[in-house]
Amino acid sequence: MHKGVSGAWKAGRIPIADAITFGDGRMLLLELITQENGPDQIRSVEETTFDAFLARNPGWLADVTPVVEIDIPSRGILQAGEGSQGADGFIALADKDGELVYCVFCTSSNPFRALAIGEDGATVRAVTTADVEWSFHIDSPWFITTRFDKG
């Protein structure tokens, strides 16, 4: 566990970037190509670290507020919610001790209002306040698909 990531997470903060921050200090920066009904394409563009990111962007931490959470007995707690700004959203997995496994943070997704685990027990489905559904495998949060959720 990376001490800086752990401390930030326990204080309810995460780097304010389109990125996946991992509990071990790795970060995967994401590019979102947004269409009218939400993110249409999400791809990784750069690997960095929590320390390197904050060295380049001092103080760039967003407050995160969980809106929904699911207890996954074999894994920990899956949470989703909002960040400091109106368009921020996040989905995070923390282990049973509350240590961050990863947090997917997006500056333009809108907050997440609903969260579910698929019937297979391995797929995450989160819906934003703009009704865009994000889906990914719980062990591969970097392969994100999106679609407009019509209900």
C-alpha atoms as a PDB file:
ATOM      1  CA  MET A   1       0.000   0.000   0.000  1.00  0.00           C
ATOM      2  CA  HIS A   2       1.336   3.439  -0.964  1.00  0.00           C
ATOM      3  CA  LYS A   3       1.335   5.729   2.071  1.00  0.00           C
ATOM      4  CA  GLY A   4       0.323   8.892   0.135  1.00  0.00           C
ATOM      5  CA  VAL A   5      -2.542   7.193  -1.705  1.00  0.00           C
ATOM      6  CA  SER A   6      -3.752   5.532   1.484  1.00  0.00           C
ATOM      7  CA  GLY A   7      -3.700   8.810   3.425  1.00  0.00           C
ATOM      8  CA  ALA A   8      -5.465  10.725   0.666  1.00  0.00           C
ATOM      9  CA  TRP A   9      -8.138   8.031   0.264  1.00  0.00           C
ATOM     10  CA  LYS A  10      -8.829   7.823   3.983  1.00  0.00           C
ATOM     11  CA  ALA A  11      -9.203  11.640   3.981  1.00  0.00           C
ATOM     12  CA  GLY A  12     -11.774  11.331   1.162  1.00  0.00           C
ATOM     13  CA  ARG A  13      -9.469  12.679  -1.544  1.00  0.00           C
ATOM     14  CA  ILE A  14      -8.181  11.406  -4.879  1.00  0.00           C
ATOM     15  CA  PRO A  15      -6.129  13.026  -7.694  1.00  0.00           C
ATOM     16  CA  ILE A  16      -8.310  15.303  -9.787  1.00  0.00           C
ATOM     17  CA  ALA A  17      -7.606  13.787 -13.187  1.00  0.00           C
ATOM     18  CA  ASP A  18      -9.263  11.483 -15.650  1.00  0.00           C
ATOM     19  CA  ALA A  19      -7.395   8.519 -14.243  1.00  0.00           C
ATOM     20  CA  ILE A  20      -7.372   5.273 -12.360  1.00  0.00           C
ATOM     21  CA  THR A  21      -5.400   5.602  -9.138  1.00  0.00           C
ATOM     22  CA  PHE A  22      -4.256   2.308  -7.648  1.00  0.00           C
ATOM     23  CA  GLY A  23      -3.580   1.673  -3.983  1.00  0.00           C
ATOM     24  CA  ASP A  24       0.069   0.858  -4.717  1.00  0.00           C
ATOM     25  CA  GLY A  25       0.683   4.372  -6.099  1.00  0.00           C
ATOM     26  CA  ARG A  26       0.365   3.662  -9.823  1.00  0.00           C
ATOM     27  CA  MET A  27      -1.866   5.887 -11.946  1.00  0.00           C
ATOM     28  CA  LEU A  28      -3.255   5.262 -15.405  1.00  0.00           C
ATOM     29  CA  LEU A  29      -4.293   8.514 -17.092  1.00  0.00           C
ATOM     30  CA  LEU A  30      -7.392   8.281 -19.284  1.00  0.00           C
ATOM     31  CA  GLU A  31      -8.671  10.197 -22.282  1.00  0.00           C
ATOM     32  CA  LEU A  32     -12.409  10.618 -22.631  1.00  0.00           C
ATOM     33  CA  ILE A  33     -13.882  11.584 -25.965  1.00  0.00           C
ATOM     34  CA  THR A  34     -17.282  12.919 -24.966  1.00  0.00           C
ATOM     35  CA  GLN A  35     -20.348  12.850 -27.170  1.00  0.00           C
ATOM     36  CA  GLU A  36     -23.766  14.408 -26.543  1.00  0.00           C
ATOM     37  CA  ASN A  37     -24.961  11.533 -24.320  1.00  0.00           C
ATOM     38  CA  GLY A  38     -21.779  11.082 -22.287  1.00  0.00           C
ATOM     39  CA  PRO A  39     -18.392   9.468 -22.794  1.00  0.00           C
ATOM     40  CA  ASP A  40     -18.330   7.628 -26.069  1.00  0.00           C
ATOM     41  CA  GLN A  41     -14.750   6.442 -25.918  1.00  0.00           C
ATOM     42  CA  ILE A  42     -12.357   5.948 -23.017  1.00  0.00           C
ATOM     43  CA  ARG A  43      -8.740   4.929 -23.493  1.00  0.00           C
ATOM     44  CA  SER A  44      -5.562   4.935 -21.435  1.00  0.00           C
ATOM     45  CA  VAL A  45      -2.955   7.443 -22.589  1.00  0.00           C
ATOM     46  CA  GLU A  46      -0.164   7.403 -20.010  1.00  0.00           C
ATOM     47  CA  GLU A  47       1.094   5.555 -16.971  1.00  0.00           C
ATOM     48  CA  THR A  48       2.463   7.603 -14.093  1.00  0.00           C
ATOM     49  CA  THR A  49       2.541   7.493 -10.321  1.00  0.00           C
ATOM     50  CA  PHE A  50       0.671   9.310  -7.576  1.00  0.00           C
ATOM     51  CA  ASP A  51       3.902  11.020  -6.496  1.00  0.00           C
ATOM     52  CA  ALA A  52       4.892  12.085 -10.028  1.00  0.00           C
ATOM     53  CA  PHE A  53       1.382  13.367 -10.754  1.00  0.00           C
ATOM     54  CA  LEU A  54       1.302  15.510  -7.607  1.00  0.00           C
ATOM     55  CA  ALA A  55       4.857  16.746  -8.251  1.00  0.00           C
ATOM     56  CA  ARG A  56       3.646  18.094 -11.623  1.00  0.00           C
ATOM     57  CA  ASN A  57       0.259  19.211 -10.251  1.00  0.00           C
ATOM     58  CA  PRO A  58       0.684  20.244  -6.589  1.00  0.00           C
ATOM     59  CA  GLY A  59      -2.528  20.110  -4.615  1.00  0.00           C
ATOM     60  CA  TRP A  60      -4.596  18.552  -7.407  1.00  0.00           C
ATOM     61  CA  LEU A  61      -6.713  16.415  -5.123  1.00  0.00           C
ATOM     62  CA  ALA A  62     -10.495  16.318  -5.285  1.00  0.00           C
ATOM     63  CA  ASP A  63     -12.812  15.583  -2.412  1.00  0.00           C
ATOM     64  CA  VAL A  64     -14.941  12.526  -3.149  1.00  0.00           C
ATOM     65  CA  THR A  65     -18.323  11.772  -1.655  1.00  0.00           C
ATOM     66  CA  PRO A  66     -19.756   8.253  -1.937  1.00  0.00           C
ATOM     67  CA  VAL A  67     -23.405   8.174  -3.007  1.00  0.00           C
ATOM     68  CA  VAL A  68     -23.836   4.409  -3.309  1.00  0.00           C
ATOM     69  CA  GLU A  69     -21.863   1.414  -2.113  1.00  0.00           C
ATOM     70  CA  ILE A  70     -21.983  -2.338  -2.350  1.00  0.00           C
ATOM     71  CA  ASP A  71     -20.373  -4.804   0.020  1.00  0.00           C
ATOM     72  CA  ILE A  72     -18.628  -7.556  -1.913  1.00  0.00           C
ATOM     73  CA  PRO A  73     -17.824 -10.121   0.809  1.00  0.00           C
ATOM     74  CA  SER A  74     -14.873 -11.681  -0.989  1.00  0.00           C
ATOM     75  CA  ARG A  75     -13.383  -8.350  -2.153  1.00  0.00           C
ATOM     76  CA  GLY A  76     -14.338  -5.356  -0.002  1.00  0.00           C
ATOM     77  CA  ILE A  77     -16.484  -2.313  -0.640  1.00  0.00           C
ATOM     78  CA  LEU A  78     -17.324  -0.892  -4.049  1.00  0.00           C
ATOM     79  CA  GLN A  79     -18.347   2.773  -3.942  1.00  0.00           C
ATOM     80  CA  ALA A  80     -19.452   5.335  -6.482  1.00  0.00           C
ATOM     81  CA  GLY A  81     -20.353   8.972  -6.224  1.00  0.00           C
ATOM     82  CA  GLU A  82     -19.233  12.511  -6.900  1.00  0.00           C
ATOM     83  CA  GLY A  83     -16.154  14.685  -6.726  1.00  0.00           C
ATOM     84  CA  SER A  84     -15.557  18.330  -5.821  1.00  0.00           C
ATOM     85  CA  GLN A  85     -16.901  19.798  -9.054  1.00  0.00           C
ATOM     86  CA  GLY A  86     -20.341  19.270 -10.598  1.00  0.00           C
ATOM     87  CA  ALA A  87     -19.153  17.072 -13.457  1.00  0.00           C
ATOM     88  CA  ASP A  88     -16.816  14.831 -11.400  1.00  0.00           C
ATOM     89  CA  GLY A  89     -17.631  11.194 -10.732  1.00  0.00           C
ATOM     90  CA  PHE A  90     -15.804   8.214  -9.286  1.00  0.00           C
ATOM     91  CA  ILE A  91     -16.024   4.452  -8.837  1.00  0.00           C
ATOM     92  CA  ALA A  92     -13.703   2.866  -6.271  1.00  0.00           C
ATOM     93  CA  LEU A  93     -12.902  -0.502  -4.789  1.00  0.00           C
ATOM     94  CA  ALA A  94     -11.499  -0.627  -1.254  1.00  0.00           C
ATOM     95  CA  ASP A  95     -10.444  -3.797   0.516  1.00  0.00           C
ATOM     96  CA  LYS A  96     -12.067  -5.085   3.706  1.00  0.00           C
ATOM     97  CA  ASP A  97      -9.721  -2.867   5.769  1.00  0.00           C
ATOM     98  CA  GLY A  98     -10.728   0.269   3.853  1.00  0.00           C
ATOM     99  CA  GLU A  99      -7.468   0.478   1.872  1.00  0.00           C
ATOM    100  CA  LEU A 100      -7.900   1.635  -1.713  1.00  0.00           C
ATOM    101  CA  VAL A 101      -7.501  -1.016  -4.400  1.00  0.00           C
ATOM    102  CA  TYR A 102      -8.335   1.448  -7.198  1.00  0.00           C
ATOM    103  CA  CYS A 103     -10.386   4.524  -7.947  1.00  0.00           C
ATOM    104  CA  VAL A 104     -11.631   5.460 -11.417  1.00  0.00           C
ATOM    105  CA  PHE A 105     -12.087   9.252 -11.385  1.00  0.00           C
ATOM    106  CA  CYS A 106     -13.512  11.295 -14.231  1.00  0.00           C
ATOM    107  CA  THR A 107     -13.799  15.069 -14.478  1.00  0.00           C
ATOM    108  CA  SER A 108     -16.628  14.995 -17.031  1.00  0.00           C
ATOM    109  CA  SER A 109     -18.673  11.852 -16.359  1.00  0.00           C
ATOM    110  CA  ASN A 110     -21.095  13.513 -13.929  1.00  0.00           C
ATOM    111  CA  PRO A 111     -21.615  11.913 -10.522  1.00  0.00           C
ATOM    112  CA  PHE A 112     -22.529   8.252 -10.326  1.00  0.00           C
ATOM    113  CA  ARG A 113     -25.983   7.590  -8.850  1.00  0.00           C
ATOM    114  CA  ALA A 114     -26.358   3.804  -9.164  1.00  0.00           C
ATOM    115  CA  LEU A 115     -24.025   0.860  -8.816  1.00  0.00           C
ATOM    116  CA  ALA A 116     -24.450  -2.872  -9.334  1.00  0.00           C
ATOM    117  CA  ILE A 117     -22.442  -6.050  -9.684  1.00  0.00           C
ATOM    118  CA  GLY A 118     -23.384  -8.248 -12.629  1.00  0.00           C
ATOM    119  CA  GLU A 119     -24.874 -11.711 -12.185  1.00  0.00           C
ATOM    120  CA  ASP A 120     -21.442 -13.154 -12.939  1.00  0.00           C
ATOM    121  CA  GLY A 121     -20.131 -11.450  -9.771  1.00  0.00           C
ATOM    122  CA  ALA A 122     -17.271  -9.936 -11.757  1.00  0.00           C
ATOM    123  CA  THR A 123     -18.762  -7.062 -13.739  1.00  0.00           C
ATOM    124  CA  VAL A 124     -19.307  -3.554 -12.395  1.00  0.00           C
ATOM    125  CA  ARG A 125     -22.149  -1.419 -13.747  1.00  0.00           C
ATOM    126  CA  ALA A 126     -22.402   2.225 -12.676  1.00  0.00           C
ATOM    127  CA  VAL A 127     -24.885   4.815 -13.945  1.00  0.00           C
ATOM    128  CA  THR A 128     -24.259   8.554 -13.902  1.00  0.00           C
ATOM    129  CA  THR A 129     -26.737  11.343 -13.227  1.00  0.00           C
ATOM    130  CA  ALA A 130     -26.634  11.931 -17.012  1.00  0.00           C
ATOM    131  CA  ASP A 131     -27.879   8.337 -17.491  1.00  0.00           C
ATOM    132  CA  VAL A 132     -24.642   7.052 -18.992  1.00  0.00           C
ATOM    133  CA  GLU A 133     -23.824   3.491 -17.972  1.00  0.00           C
ATOM    134  CA  TRP A 134     -20.189   2.594 -17.375  1.00  0.00           C
ATOM    135  CA  SER A 135     -19.271  -1.106 -17.331  1.00  0.00           C
ATOM    136  CA  PHE A 136     -16.026  -2.923 -16.646  1.00  0.00           C
ATOM    137  CA  HIS A 137     -14.677  -6.135 -15.133  1.00  0.00           C
ATOM    138  CA  ILE A 138     -13.941  -5.641 -11.430  1.00  0.00           C
ATOM    139  CA  ASP A 139     -10.362  -6.884 -11.948  1.00  0.00           C
ATOM    140  CA  SER A 140      -9.787  -4.789 -15.119  1.00  0.00           C
ATOM    141  CA  PRO A 141     -11.142  -1.290 -14.484  1.00  0.00           C
ATOM    142  CA  TRP A 142      -9.156   0.098 -17.415  1.00  0.00           C
ATOM    143  CA  PHE A 143     -11.401  -1.643 -20.002  1.00  0.00           C
ATOM    144  CA  ILE A 144     -14.432   0.641 -19.685  1.00  0.00           C
ATOM    145  CA  THR A 145     -17.401   0.566 -21.998  1.00  0.00           C
ATOM    146  CA  THR A 146     -20.157   3.153 -21.922  1.00  0.00           C
ATOM    147  CA  ARG A 147     -23.647   3.496 -23.271  1.00  0.00           C
ATOM    148  CA  PHE A 148     -26.590   5.768 -22.759  1.00  0.00           C
ATOM    149  CA  ASP A 149     -28.877   4.089 -20.215  1.00  0.00           C
ATOM    150  CA  LYS A 150     -32.448   4.496 -21.458  1.00  0.00           C
ATOM    151  CA  GLY A 151     -33.907   3.302 -18.217  1.00  0.00           C
END
